[in-house]
Amino acid sequence: MRKQEKRNIIWDSIKEHIYQNIKKYVIVSIFFLIGIIAGVIFVNYAQEEIHTQIGDTITTFLNCLKTGYQIDSMGLLKSSIGNHIIFAFFLWFMGCTIIGIPIVYGMITFRGFSLGYTISSLLFTLGTGKGILFCILYLLLPNLFIIPAILALAVSGIKLYQAIMKDKRRENIKIEIIRHTIFSLFMTLVLILSSLIEVYIANPLLQICISYF
């Protein structure tokens, strides 16, 4: 019963947070979607030479897996966690500065671009059916945690900026920065969880189904 109550409290807190910041989440999500669309358009209208490079890279990766190449799970995990921590740090830092908010929007757009580029490249190289399967096996599970976490980080920075603009007293600024920092640390843990899912769930799933590609 206690566990259920804790879950309800956590879930209610998440819903309240989203409800109170729904406009910010909509705006940030729009920038993320713009990035995805830009990534898709870039691949679709890229020169033939770029298409060839993309195809060769994906094909080489799949052939390595088919020949029994063993992925260095620990190395991949360290790299993934490191990238997430760096990205979260920059979002946190830019959110703490007044002039950094445009950069926050730019970083979110870039992450959307990267995702759109990756998905479009897979579909272009493997075809619709195999491309979608690859995305489901390798991209879906981690991004169920990555996307909400980076959007929440951006919203936290925007919220901090607006709070500082509304009340520039030093005490208020300190309190808001502490809140932003604690929230950012929690979202960083979510990103680290996504790295664990990528390495120990998504990768094994892909290796199991690699013969289909």
N, C-alpha and C. Protein backbone atom coordinates (compact mmCIF):
# COMPACT_ATOMS: atom_id res chain seq x y z
N MET A 1 0.82 -1.21 0.00
CA MET A 1 0.00 0.00 0.00
C MET A 1 0.85 1.25 0.00
N ARG A 2 1.92 1.19 0.80
CA ARG A 2 2.82 2.33 0.87
C ARG A 2 3.50 2.58 -0.47
N LYS A 3 3.91 1.50 -1.13
CA LYS A 3 4.53 1.63 -2.44
C LYS A 3 3.56 2.26 -3.43
N GLN A 4 2.31 1.83 -3.37
CA GLN A 4 1.29 2.38 -4.26
C GLN A 4 1.08 3.86 -3.98
N GLU A 5 1.10 4.23 -2.71
CA GLU A 5 0.92 5.63 -2.34
C GLU A 5 2.09 6.47 -2.85
N LYS A 6 3.30 5.94 -2.73
CA LYS A 6 4.47 6.66 -3.23
C LYS A 6 4.39 6.84 -4.74
N ARG A 7 3.96 5.80 -5.43
CA ARG A 7 3.82 5.89 -6.89
C ARG A 7 2.79 6.95 -7.26
N ASN A 8 1.69 6.98 -6.51
CA ASN A 8 0.65 7.96 -6.79
C ASN A 8 1.16 9.38 -6.55
N ILE A 9 1.95 9.55 -5.48
CA ILE A 9 2.50 10.87 -5.17
C ILE A 9 3.44 11.33 -6.28
N ILE A 10 4.31 10.41 -6.72
CA ILE A 10 5.26 10.75 -7.79
C ILE A 10 4.53 11.08 -9.08
N TRP A 11 3.56 10.24 -9.43
CA TRP A 11 2.79 10.45 -10.66
C TRP A 11 2.01 11.77 -10.59
N ASP A 12 1.41 12.06 -9.45
CA ASP A 12 0.66 13.31 -9.28
C ASP A 12 1.59 14.52 -9.39
N SER A 13 2.81 14.38 -8.85
CA SER A 13 3.79 15.47 -8.93
C SER A 13 4.20 15.73 -10.37
N ILE A 14 4.39 14.65 -11.13
CA ILE A 14 4.76 14.79 -12.54
C ILE A 14 3.65 15.47 -13.32
N LYS A 15 2.42 15.01 -13.09
CA LYS A 15 1.28 15.61 -13.80
C LYS A 15 1.11 17.08 -13.45
N GLU A 16 1.31 17.41 -12.16
CA GLU A 16 1.17 18.81 -11.74
C GLU A 16 2.26 19.67 -12.37
N HIS A 17 3.49 19.14 -12.42
CA HIS A 17 4.60 19.87 -13.04
C HIS A 17 4.31 20.16 -14.51
N ILE A 18 3.83 19.14 -15.23
CA ILE A 18 3.54 19.31 -16.65
C ILE A 18 2.39 20.30 -16.84
N TYR A 19 1.36 20.19 -16.00
CA TYR A 19 0.20 21.07 -16.11
C TYR A 19 0.59 22.53 -15.87
N GLN A 20 1.44 22.77 -14.88
CA GLN A 20 1.86 24.13 -14.55
C GLN A 20 2.78 24.73 -15.61
N ASN A 21 3.44 23.87 -16.38
CA ASN A 21 4.40 24.36 -17.38
C ASN A 21 4.03 23.91 -18.79
N ILE A 22 2.75 23.67 -19.01
CA ILE A 22 2.31 23.09 -20.28
C ILE A 22 2.68 23.96 -21.48
N LYS A 23 2.59 25.29 -21.34
CA LYS A 23 2.93 26.18 -22.46
C LYS A 23 4.41 26.07 -22.81
N LYS A 24 5.24 25.98 -21.79
CA LYS A 24 6.69 25.84 -22.02
C LYS A 24 6.99 24.53 -22.71
N TYR A 25 6.32 23.46 -22.28
CA TYR A 25 6.54 22.16 -22.90
C TYR A 25 6.10 22.15 -24.36
N VAL A 26 5.01 22.84 -24.65
CA VAL A 26 4.53 22.92 -26.04
C VAL A 26 5.55 23.65 -26.90
N ILE A 27 6.06 24.77 -26.41
CA ILE A 27 7.04 25.55 -27.17
C ILE A 27 8.31 24.75 -27.41
N VAL A 28 8.83 24.13 -26.36
CA VAL A 28 10.06 23.34 -26.48
C VAL A 28 9.84 22.15 -27.42
N SER A 29 8.68 21.53 -27.33
CA SER A 29 8.36 20.39 -28.20
C SER A 29 8.31 20.82 -29.66
N ILE A 30 7.81 22.02 -29.90
CA ILE A 30 7.76 22.54 -31.28
C ILE A 30 9.16 22.67 -31.85
N PHE A 31 10.09 23.21 -31.04
CA PHE A 31 11.48 23.33 -31.50
C PHE A 31 12.08 21.96 -31.76
N PHE A 32 11.75 20.99 -30.91
CA PHE A 32 12.25 19.62 -31.10
C PHE A 32 11.71 19.03 -32.39
N LEU A 33 10.44 19.23 -32.66
CA LEU A 33 9.82 18.72 -33.89
C LEU A 33 10.39 19.40 -35.12
N ILE A 34 10.66 20.70 -35.01
CA ILE A 34 11.30 21.42 -36.12
C ILE A 34 12.64 20.78 -36.44
N GLY A 35 13.39 20.42 -35.38
CA GLY A 35 14.67 19.76 -35.58
C GLY A 35 14.52 18.41 -36.28
N ILE A 36 13.52 17.63 -35.86
CA ILE A 36 13.28 16.33 -36.50
C ILE A 36 12.96 16.50 -37.98
N ILE A 37 12.08 17.42 -38.28
CA ILE A 37 11.69 17.68 -39.67
C ILE A 37 12.90 18.13 -40.49
N ALA A 38 13.72 19.01 -39.90
CA ALA A 38 14.91 19.48 -40.60
C ALA A 38 15.87 18.33 -40.88
N GLY A 39 16.00 17.39 -39.93
CA GLY A 39 16.87 16.24 -40.12
C GLY A 39 16.38 15.34 -41.24
N VAL A 40 15.08 15.14 -41.29
CA VAL A 40 14.48 14.31 -42.35
C VAL A 40 14.66 14.97 -43.71
N ILE A 41 14.41 16.27 -43.77
CA ILE A 41 14.55 17.00 -45.03
C ILE A 41 16.00 16.97 -45.50
N PHE A 42 16.94 17.13 -44.56
CA PHE A 42 18.36 17.14 -44.92
C PHE A 42 18.75 15.84 -45.61
N VAL A 43 18.33 14.71 -45.04
CA VAL A 43 18.69 13.42 -45.62
C VAL A 43 17.99 13.22 -46.97
N ASN A 44 16.72 13.57 -47.05
CA ASN A 44 15.97 13.36 -48.28
C ASN A 44 16.48 14.18 -49.45
N TYR A 45 17.01 15.36 -49.16
CA TYR A 45 17.46 16.26 -50.23
C TYR A 45 18.98 16.36 -50.28
N ALA A 46 19.66 15.46 -49.58
CA ALA A 46 21.12 15.48 -49.61
C ALA A 46 21.64 14.99 -50.96
N GLN A 47 22.88 15.32 -51.25
CA GLN A 47 23.49 14.89 -52.50
C GLN A 47 23.71 13.38 -52.49
N GLU A 48 23.87 12.81 -53.67
CA GLU A 48 24.03 11.37 -53.81
C GLU A 48 25.26 10.87 -53.06
N GLU A 49 26.30 11.69 -53.01
CA GLU A 49 27.52 11.31 -52.32
C GLU A 49 27.28 11.11 -50.82
N ILE A 50 26.46 11.99 -50.24
CA ILE A 50 26.13 11.88 -48.82
C ILE A 50 25.28 10.64 -48.58
N HIS A 51 24.32 10.38 -49.48
CA HIS A 51 23.49 9.18 -49.37
C HIS A 51 24.37 7.92 -49.38
N THR A 52 25.37 7.92 -50.24
CA THR A 52 26.26 6.77 -50.35
C THR A 52 27.04 6.57 -49.05
N GLN A 53 27.54 7.68 -48.48
CA GLN A 53 28.29 7.60 -47.23
C GLN A 53 27.42 7.09 -46.09
N ILE A 54 26.19 7.58 -46.03
CA ILE A 54 25.25 7.13 -44.99
C ILE A 54 24.98 5.63 -45.13
N GLY A 55 24.69 5.23 -46.36
CA GLY A 55 24.40 3.82 -46.61
C GLY A 55 25.57 2.92 -46.28
N ASP A 56 26.77 3.34 -46.66
CA ASP A 56 27.97 2.54 -46.38
C ASP A 56 28.20 2.40 -44.88
N THR A 57 27.98 3.49 -44.13
CA THR A 57 28.20 3.46 -42.68
C THR A 57 27.24 2.48 -42.00
N ILE A 58 25.96 2.57 -42.36
CA ILE A 58 24.96 1.69 -41.75
C ILE A 58 25.18 0.24 -42.16
N THR A 59 25.48 0.02 -43.43
CA THR A 59 25.70 -1.34 -43.93
C THR A 59 26.91 -1.98 -43.27
N THR A 60 27.99 -1.20 -43.11
CA THR A 60 29.20 -1.71 -42.47
C THR A 60 28.91 -2.11 -41.02
N PHE A 61 28.16 -1.27 -40.32
CA PHE A 61 27.80 -1.55 -38.93
C PHE A 61 27.00 -2.85 -38.82
N LEU A 62 26.01 -3.02 -39.69
CA LEU A 62 25.18 -4.22 -39.66
C LEU A 62 25.98 -5.47 -40.04
N ASN A 63 26.88 -5.34 -41.01
CA ASN A 63 27.70 -6.48 -41.42
C ASN A 63 28.62 -6.93 -40.30
N CYS A 64 29.13 -5.96 -39.54
CA CYS A 64 29.99 -6.30 -38.40
C CYS A 64 29.22 -7.12 -37.37
N LEU A 65 27.97 -6.71 -37.12
CA LEU A 65 27.15 -7.44 -36.16
C LEU A 65 26.83 -8.85 -36.67
N LYS A 66 26.59 -8.95 -37.97
CA LYS A 66 26.25 -10.25 -38.56
C LYS A 66 27.42 -11.23 -38.49
N THR A 67 28.62 -10.71 -38.53
CA THR A 67 29.81 -11.58 -38.49
C THR A 67 30.24 -11.92 -37.07
N GLY A 68 29.42 -11.54 -36.11
CA GLY A 68 29.70 -11.90 -34.72
C GLY A 68 30.52 -10.89 -33.96
N TYR A 69 30.62 -9.68 -34.49
CA TYR A 69 31.39 -8.63 -33.79
C TYR A 69 30.76 -8.34 -32.43
N GLN A 70 31.59 -8.39 -31.40
CA GLN A 70 31.10 -8.15 -30.05
C GLN A 70 31.26 -6.67 -29.67
N ILE A 71 30.16 -6.05 -29.35
CA ILE A 71 30.19 -4.64 -28.96
C ILE A 71 30.78 -4.50 -27.56
N ASP A 72 31.65 -3.56 -27.40
CA ASP A 72 32.23 -3.26 -26.09
C ASP A 72 31.18 -2.54 -25.25
N SER A 73 30.40 -3.32 -24.50
CA SER A 73 29.28 -2.76 -23.75
C SER A 73 29.72 -1.71 -22.75
N MET A 74 30.80 -1.97 -22.03
CA MET A 74 31.26 -1.03 -21.02
C MET A 74 31.75 0.27 -21.66
N GLY A 75 32.47 0.13 -22.77
CA GLY A 75 32.96 1.32 -23.48
C GLY A 75 31.80 2.13 -24.04
N LEU A 76 30.81 1.42 -24.60
CA LEU A 76 29.63 2.10 -25.15
C LEU A 76 28.84 2.78 -24.05
N LEU A 77 28.73 2.11 -22.90
CA LEU A 77 28.00 2.69 -21.77
C LEU A 77 28.68 3.95 -21.27
N LYS A 78 30.00 3.91 -21.11
CA LYS A 78 30.73 5.08 -20.65
C LYS A 78 30.58 6.24 -21.63
N SER A 79 30.67 5.93 -22.92
CA SER A 79 30.52 6.97 -23.94
C SER A 79 29.13 7.58 -23.92
N SER A 80 28.11 6.73 -23.81
CA SER A 80 26.72 7.21 -23.80
C SER A 80 26.44 8.06 -22.58
N ILE A 81 26.87 7.56 -21.41
CA ILE A 81 26.65 8.32 -20.17
C ILE A 81 27.40 9.65 -20.22
N GLY A 82 28.63 9.61 -20.71
CA GLY A 82 29.42 10.83 -20.81
C GLY A 82 28.76 11.87 -21.70
N ASN A 83 28.25 11.43 -22.85
CA ASN A 83 27.57 12.36 -23.77
C ASN A 83 26.32 12.95 -23.13
N HIS A 84 25.57 12.13 -22.42
CA HIS A 84 24.35 12.62 -21.77
C HIS A 84 24.67 13.62 -20.66
N ILE A 85 25.71 13.32 -19.89
CA ILE A 85 26.08 14.22 -18.80
C ILE A 85 26.54 15.57 -19.35
N ILE A 86 27.34 15.54 -20.41
CA ILE A 86 27.81 16.79 -21.02
C ILE A 86 26.64 17.61 -21.56
N PHE A 87 25.72 16.93 -22.25
CA PHE A 87 24.56 17.62 -22.80
C PHE A 87 23.70 18.22 -21.69
N ALA A 88 23.47 17.42 -20.63
CA ALA A 88 22.67 17.90 -19.50
C ALA A 88 23.35 19.07 -18.80
N PHE A 89 24.68 19.00 -18.68
CA PHE A 89 25.42 20.09 -18.03
C PHE A 89 25.27 21.39 -18.80
N PHE A 90 25.40 21.32 -20.12
CA PHE A 90 25.29 22.53 -20.92
C PHE A 90 23.87 23.10 -20.88
N LEU A 91 22.87 22.22 -20.87
CA LEU A 91 21.49 22.69 -20.73
C LEU A 91 21.29 23.36 -19.38
N TRP A 92 21.85 22.75 -18.34
CA TRP A 92 21.76 23.34 -16.99
C TRP A 92 22.46 24.68 -16.94
N PHE A 93 23.68 24.73 -17.47
CA PHE A 93 24.48 25.95 -17.41
C PHE A 93 23.82 27.08 -18.21
N MET A 94 23.38 26.79 -19.42
CA MET A 94 22.75 27.80 -20.25
C MET A 94 21.43 28.27 -19.64
N GLY A 95 20.75 27.34 -18.94
CA GLY A 95 19.51 27.72 -18.27
C GLY A 95 19.75 28.66 -17.10
N CYS A 96 20.98 28.65 -16.57
CA CYS A 96 21.33 29.52 -15.44
C CYS A 96 21.72 30.92 -15.89
N THR A 97 21.87 31.12 -17.19
CA THR A 97 22.28 32.43 -17.71
C THR A 97 21.15 33.04 -18.53
N ILE A 98 21.01 34.33 -18.44
CA ILE A 98 19.94 35.03 -19.16
C ILE A 98 20.13 34.91 -20.66
N ILE A 99 21.38 35.03 -21.12
CA ILE A 99 21.64 35.01 -22.56
C ILE A 99 21.68 33.59 -23.12
N GLY A 100 21.58 32.58 -22.24
CA GLY A 100 21.71 31.21 -22.69
C GLY A 100 20.43 30.55 -23.17
N ILE A 101 19.28 31.18 -22.95
CA ILE A 101 18.00 30.56 -23.33
C ILE A 101 17.90 30.30 -24.84
N PRO A 102 18.32 31.23 -25.72
CA PRO A 102 18.30 30.91 -27.15
C PRO A 102 19.16 29.68 -27.48
N ILE A 103 20.27 29.52 -26.75
CA ILE A 103 21.13 28.36 -26.97
C ILE A 103 20.42 27.08 -26.52
N VAL A 104 19.63 27.18 -25.44
CA VAL A 104 18.84 26.04 -24.98
C VAL A 104 17.89 25.58 -26.09
N TYR A 105 17.20 26.54 -26.70
CA TYR A 105 16.30 26.20 -27.81
C TYR A 105 17.09 25.58 -28.97
N GLY A 106 18.29 26.13 -29.21
CA GLY A 106 19.12 25.60 -30.29
C GLY A 106 19.57 24.17 -30.02
N MET A 107 19.92 23.87 -28.77
CA MET A 107 20.35 22.52 -28.41
C MET A 107 19.22 21.52 -28.55
N ILE A 108 18.02 21.92 -28.16
CA ILE A 108 16.86 21.04 -28.30
C ILE A 108 16.56 20.78 -29.78
N THR A 109 16.67 21.84 -30.58
CA THR A 109 16.44 21.70 -32.02
C THR A 109 17.48 20.76 -32.63
N PHE A 110 18.73 20.88 -32.18
CA PHE A 110 19.80 20.03 -32.70
C PHE A 110 19.56 18.56 -32.35
N ARG A 111 19.09 18.30 -31.11
CA ARG A 111 18.79 16.91 -30.74
C ARG A 111 17.66 16.35 -31.59
N GLY A 112 16.68 17.18 -31.88
CA GLY A 112 15.62 16.77 -32.78
C GLY A 112 16.16 16.49 -34.16
N PHE A 113 17.06 17.35 -34.63
CA PHE A 113 17.69 17.16 -35.95
C PHE A 113 18.44 15.83 -35.99
N SER A 114 19.19 15.53 -34.94
CA SER A 114 19.96 14.29 -34.88
C SER A 114 19.05 13.06 -34.95
N LEU A 115 17.93 13.13 -34.23
CA LEU A 115 16.99 12.00 -34.24
C LEU A 115 16.34 11.86 -35.61
N GLY A 116 15.91 12.98 -36.18
CA GLY A 116 15.30 12.94 -37.51
C GLY A 116 16.28 12.45 -38.56
N TYR A 117 17.52 12.89 -38.47
CA TYR A 117 18.58 12.47 -39.39
C TYR A 117 18.81 10.96 -39.29
N THR A 118 18.88 10.46 -38.05
CA THR A 118 19.13 9.03 -37.84
C THR A 118 17.99 8.17 -38.38
N ILE A 119 16.77 8.54 -38.03
CA ILE A 119 15.60 7.77 -38.48
C ILE A 119 15.50 7.78 -40.00
N SER A 120 15.64 8.96 -40.59
CA SER A 120 15.53 9.08 -42.05
C SER A 120 16.64 8.30 -42.75
N SER A 121 17.85 8.31 -42.19
CA SER A 121 18.97 7.57 -42.77
C SER A 121 18.70 6.07 -42.75
N LEU A 122 18.16 5.59 -41.63
CA LEU A 122 17.85 4.16 -41.52
C LEU A 122 16.77 3.75 -42.51
N LEU A 123 15.74 4.57 -42.62
CA LEU A 123 14.66 4.25 -43.56
C LEU A 123 15.16 4.30 -45.00
N PHE A 124 16.00 5.25 -45.30
CA PHE A 124 16.54 5.40 -46.66
C PHE A 124 17.42 4.22 -47.03
N THR A 125 18.23 3.75 -46.07
CA THR A 125 19.19 2.68 -46.35
C THR A 125 18.55 1.30 -46.30
N LEU A 126 17.72 1.05 -45.30
CA LEU A 126 17.17 -0.30 -45.08
C LEU A 126 15.80 -0.50 -45.69
N GLY A 127 15.15 0.57 -46.09
CA GLY A 127 13.78 0.46 -46.57
C GLY A 127 12.82 0.69 -45.42
N THR A 128 11.56 0.89 -45.73
CA THR A 128 10.58 1.26 -44.72
C THR A 128 10.42 0.19 -43.64
N GLY A 129 10.19 -1.08 -44.06
CA GLY A 129 9.93 -2.16 -43.10
C GLY A 129 11.09 -2.40 -42.16
N LYS A 130 12.28 -2.66 -42.73
CA LYS A 130 13.46 -2.95 -41.90
C LYS A 130 13.90 -1.71 -41.13
N GLY A 131 13.74 -0.54 -41.75
CA GLY A 131 14.13 0.70 -41.08
C GLY A 131 13.29 0.96 -39.84
N ILE A 132 11.99 0.74 -39.96
CA ILE A 132 11.10 0.92 -38.80
C ILE A 132 11.42 -0.09 -37.71
N LEU A 133 11.69 -1.34 -38.11
CA LEU A 133 12.05 -2.37 -37.13
C LEU A 133 13.33 -2.00 -36.39
N PHE A 134 14.32 -1.51 -37.13
CA PHE A 134 15.58 -1.09 -36.51
C PHE A 134 15.33 0.02 -35.51
N CYS A 135 14.51 0.99 -35.90
CA CYS A 135 14.20 2.12 -35.00
C CYS A 135 13.50 1.65 -33.73
N ILE A 136 12.59 0.68 -33.89
CA ILE A 136 11.86 0.16 -32.73
C ILE A 136 12.81 -0.59 -31.78
N LEU A 137 13.70 -1.40 -32.37
CA LEU A 137 14.60 -2.20 -31.56
C LEU A 137 15.66 -1.37 -30.87
N TYR A 138 16.21 -0.40 -31.61
CA TYR A 138 17.40 0.29 -31.12
C TYR A 138 17.13 1.71 -30.57
N LEU A 139 16.15 2.39 -31.14
CA LEU A 139 15.94 3.80 -30.78
C LEU A 139 14.75 4.04 -29.85
N LEU A 140 13.72 3.22 -29.95
CA LEU A 140 12.47 3.51 -29.25
C LEU A 140 12.63 3.53 -27.73
N LEU A 141 13.12 2.44 -27.15
CA LEU A 141 13.20 2.34 -25.69
C LEU A 141 14.05 3.45 -25.05
N PRO A 142 15.29 3.67 -25.53
CA PRO A 142 16.09 4.74 -24.91
C PRO A 142 15.44 6.11 -25.05
N ASN A 143 14.84 6.38 -26.21
CA ASN A 143 14.28 7.71 -26.44
C ASN A 143 12.98 7.95 -25.68
N LEU A 144 12.36 6.89 -25.18
CA LEU A 144 11.20 7.08 -24.30
C LEU A 144 11.61 7.79 -23.01
N PHE A 145 12.90 7.70 -22.69
CA PHE A 145 13.44 8.39 -21.50
C PHE A 145 14.22 9.64 -21.90
N ILE A 146 14.95 9.57 -23.01
CA ILE A 146 15.79 10.70 -23.43
C ILE A 146 14.97 11.93 -23.78
N ILE A 147 13.95 11.75 -24.61
CA ILE A 147 13.18 12.90 -25.09
C ILE A 147 12.49 13.65 -23.95
N PRO A 148 11.73 12.96 -23.08
CA PRO A 148 11.12 13.70 -21.96
C PRO A 148 12.15 14.38 -21.06
N ALA A 149 13.31 13.72 -20.86
CA ALA A 149 14.33 14.28 -19.97
C ALA A 149 14.92 15.57 -20.52
N ILE A 150 15.26 15.59 -21.81
CA ILE A 150 15.88 16.80 -22.38
C ILE A 150 14.85 17.92 -22.51
N LEU A 151 13.60 17.57 -22.79
CA LEU A 151 12.56 18.59 -22.83
C LEU A 151 12.35 19.20 -21.45
N ALA A 152 12.37 18.33 -20.43
CA ALA A 152 12.19 18.81 -19.06
C ALA A 152 13.36 19.69 -18.62
N LEU A 153 14.57 19.34 -19.04
CA LEU A 153 15.74 20.15 -18.73
C LEU A 153 15.61 21.54 -19.34
N ALA A 154 15.17 21.58 -20.58
CA ALA A 154 14.99 22.87 -21.26
C ALA A 154 13.92 23.70 -20.57
N VAL A 155 12.81 23.07 -20.22
CA VAL A 155 11.72 23.78 -19.54
C VAL A 155 12.18 24.32 -18.20
N SER A 156 12.99 23.55 -17.48
CA SER A 156 13.50 23.99 -16.19
C SER A 156 14.35 25.25 -16.34
N GLY A 157 15.17 25.28 -17.39
CA GLY A 157 15.99 26.46 -17.65
C GLY A 157 15.15 27.67 -18.00
N ILE A 158 14.13 27.48 -18.82
CA ILE A 158 13.23 28.57 -19.19
C ILE A 158 12.46 29.07 -17.97
N LYS A 159 12.05 28.13 -17.14
CA LYS A 159 11.33 28.48 -15.92
C LYS A 159 12.21 29.31 -14.99
N LEU A 160 13.50 28.94 -14.89
CA LEU A 160 14.45 29.69 -14.07
C LEU A 160 14.62 31.10 -14.60
N TYR A 161 14.77 31.21 -15.91
CA TYR A 161 14.93 32.52 -16.54
C TYR A 161 13.74 33.43 -16.24
N GLN A 162 12.54 32.90 -16.39
CA GLN A 162 11.33 33.69 -16.15
C GLN A 162 11.21 34.08 -14.67
N ALA A 163 11.61 33.17 -13.78
CA ALA A 163 11.55 33.47 -12.34
C ALA A 163 12.52 34.58 -11.97
N ILE A 164 13.70 34.56 -12.58
CA ILE A 164 14.70 35.60 -12.30
C ILE A 164 14.23 36.94 -12.86
N MET A 165 13.64 36.93 -14.05
CA MET A 165 13.14 38.17 -14.64
C MET A 165 11.99 38.77 -13.81
N LYS A 166 11.24 37.89 -13.18
CA LYS A 166 10.10 38.34 -12.38
C LYS A 166 10.54 38.88 -11.03
N ASP A 167 11.55 38.28 -10.44
CA ASP A 167 12.03 38.70 -9.12
C ASP A 167 13.55 38.58 -9.11
N LYS A 168 14.24 39.72 -9.22
CA LYS A 168 15.69 39.73 -9.34
C LYS A 168 16.42 39.83 -8.00
N ARG A 169 15.73 39.63 -6.92
CA ARG A 169 16.39 39.64 -5.63
C ARG A 169 17.36 38.47 -5.52
N ARG A 170 18.50 38.72 -4.88
CA ARG A 170 19.55 37.71 -4.79
C ARG A 170 19.06 36.42 -4.14
N GLU A 171 18.27 36.54 -3.09
CA GLU A 171 17.77 35.35 -2.40
C GLU A 171 16.89 34.51 -3.32
N ASN A 172 16.04 35.18 -4.07
CA ASN A 172 15.16 34.46 -5.00
C ASN A 172 15.97 33.75 -6.08
N ILE A 173 17.00 34.44 -6.59
CA ILE A 173 17.84 33.85 -7.64
C ILE A 173 18.53 32.58 -7.13
N LYS A 174 19.07 32.63 -5.90
CA LYS A 174 19.73 31.48 -5.31
C LYS A 174 18.76 30.30 -5.18
N ILE A 175 17.57 30.58 -4.68
CA ILE A 175 16.57 29.52 -4.49
C ILE A 175 16.21 28.87 -5.83
N GLU A 176 15.97 29.72 -6.85
CA GLU A 176 15.57 29.20 -8.15
C GLU A 176 16.69 28.40 -8.81
N ILE A 177 17.93 28.84 -8.64
CA ILE A 177 19.06 28.10 -9.21
C ILE A 177 19.21 26.74 -8.52
N ILE A 178 19.00 26.71 -7.21
CA ILE A 178 19.07 25.44 -6.47
C ILE A 178 17.98 24.48 -6.97
N ARG A 179 16.77 24.99 -7.16
CA ARG A 179 15.68 24.17 -7.68
C ARG A 179 16.02 23.64 -9.07
N HIS A 180 16.52 24.52 -9.90
CA HIS A 180 16.91 24.14 -11.26
C HIS A 180 18.00 23.07 -11.24
N THR A 181 18.95 23.22 -10.32
CA THR A 181 20.06 22.27 -10.22
C THR A 181 19.58 20.90 -9.76
N ILE A 182 18.75 20.87 -8.73
CA ILE A 182 18.22 19.60 -8.23
C ILE A 182 17.41 18.89 -9.31
N PHE A 183 16.55 19.65 -9.98
CA PHE A 183 15.73 19.08 -11.06
C PHE A 183 16.62 18.55 -12.19
N SER A 184 17.67 19.31 -12.53
CA SER A 184 18.57 18.91 -13.61
C SER A 184 19.32 17.63 -13.25
N LEU A 185 19.71 17.51 -11.99
CA LEU A 185 20.40 16.29 -11.54
C LEU A 185 19.48 15.07 -11.66
N PHE A 186 18.23 15.26 -11.31
CA PHE A 186 17.26 14.16 -11.42
C PHE A 186 17.08 13.75 -12.88
N MET A 187 16.97 14.74 -13.78
CA MET A 187 16.82 14.44 -15.20
C MET A 187 18.09 13.79 -15.77
N THR A 188 19.24 14.15 -15.22
CA THR A 188 20.49 13.51 -15.64
C THR A 188 20.48 12.03 -15.28
N LEU A 189 19.94 11.71 -14.12
CA LEU A 189 19.80 10.30 -13.73
C LEU A 189 18.89 9.54 -14.70
N VAL A 190 17.85 10.22 -15.17
CA VAL A 190 16.96 9.61 -16.17
C VAL A 190 17.73 9.35 -17.46
N LEU A 191 18.58 10.29 -17.86
CA LEU A 191 19.39 10.10 -19.07
C LEU A 191 20.38 8.96 -18.89
N ILE A 192 20.95 8.83 -17.70
CA ILE A 192 21.85 7.71 -17.42
C ILE A 192 21.09 6.38 -17.50
N LEU A 193 19.85 6.38 -17.02
CA LEU A 193 19.01 5.19 -17.14
C LEU A 193 18.79 4.83 -18.60
N SER A 194 18.62 5.84 -19.44
CA SER A 194 18.43 5.59 -20.88
C SER A 194 19.68 4.95 -21.49
N SER A 195 20.85 5.34 -20.98
CA SER A 195 22.10 4.72 -21.46
C SER A 195 22.15 3.24 -21.10
N LEU A 196 21.73 2.92 -19.88
CA LEU A 196 21.69 1.52 -19.45
C LEU A 196 20.72 0.71 -20.32
N ILE A 197 19.58 1.31 -20.64
CA ILE A 197 18.59 0.64 -21.48
C ILE A 197 19.16 0.43 -22.88
N GLU A 198 19.84 1.45 -23.40
CA GLU A 198 20.42 1.35 -24.74
C GLU A 198 21.44 0.21 -24.82
N VAL A 199 22.32 0.12 -23.82
CA VAL A 199 23.42 -0.83 -23.87
C VAL A 199 22.97 -2.25 -23.52
N TYR A 200 22.13 -2.39 -22.50
CA TYR A 200 21.81 -3.71 -21.98
C TYR A 200 20.44 -4.26 -22.41
N ILE A 201 19.65 -3.45 -23.12
CA ILE A 201 18.38 -3.94 -23.63
C ILE A 201 18.29 -3.76 -25.14
N ALA A 202 18.49 -2.51 -25.61
CA ALA A 202 18.34 -2.23 -27.04
C ALA A 202 19.39 -2.96 -27.87
N ASN A 203 20.65 -2.91 -27.44
CA ASN A 203 21.71 -3.59 -28.20
C ASN A 203 21.50 -5.11 -28.28
N PRO A 204 21.21 -5.79 -27.17
CA PRO A 204 20.94 -7.24 -27.27
C PRO A 204 19.75 -7.56 -28.18
N LEU A 205 18.70 -6.73 -28.12
CA LEU A 205 17.54 -6.96 -29.00
C LEU A 205 17.95 -6.85 -30.46
N LEU A 206 18.79 -5.85 -30.76
CA LEU A 206 19.25 -5.67 -32.13
C LEU A 206 20.09 -6.86 -32.58
N GLN A 207 20.95 -7.35 -31.70
CA GLN A 207 21.82 -8.48 -32.05
C GLN A 207 21.02 -9.76 -32.26
N ILE A 208 19.94 -9.91 -31.51
CA ILE A 208 19.08 -11.09 -31.68
C ILE A 208 18.42 -11.09 -33.04
N CYS A 209 18.01 -9.90 -33.49
CA CYS A 209 17.26 -9.78 -34.75
C CYS A 209 18.12 -9.36 -35.91
N ILE A 210 19.46 -9.36 -35.74
CA ILE A 210 20.35 -8.83 -36.76
C ILE A 210 20.28 -9.61 -38.08
N SER A 211 19.96 -10.89 -38.01
CA SER A 211 19.92 -11.71 -39.22
C SER A 211 18.81 -11.25 -40.18
N TYR A 212 17.83 -10.51 -39.67
CA TYR A 212 16.73 -10.04 -40.51
C TYR A 212 17.17 -8.89 -41.42
N PHE A 213 18.19 -8.16 -41.02
CA PHE A 213 18.59 -6.97 -41.78
C PHE A 213 19.56 -7.32 -42.90
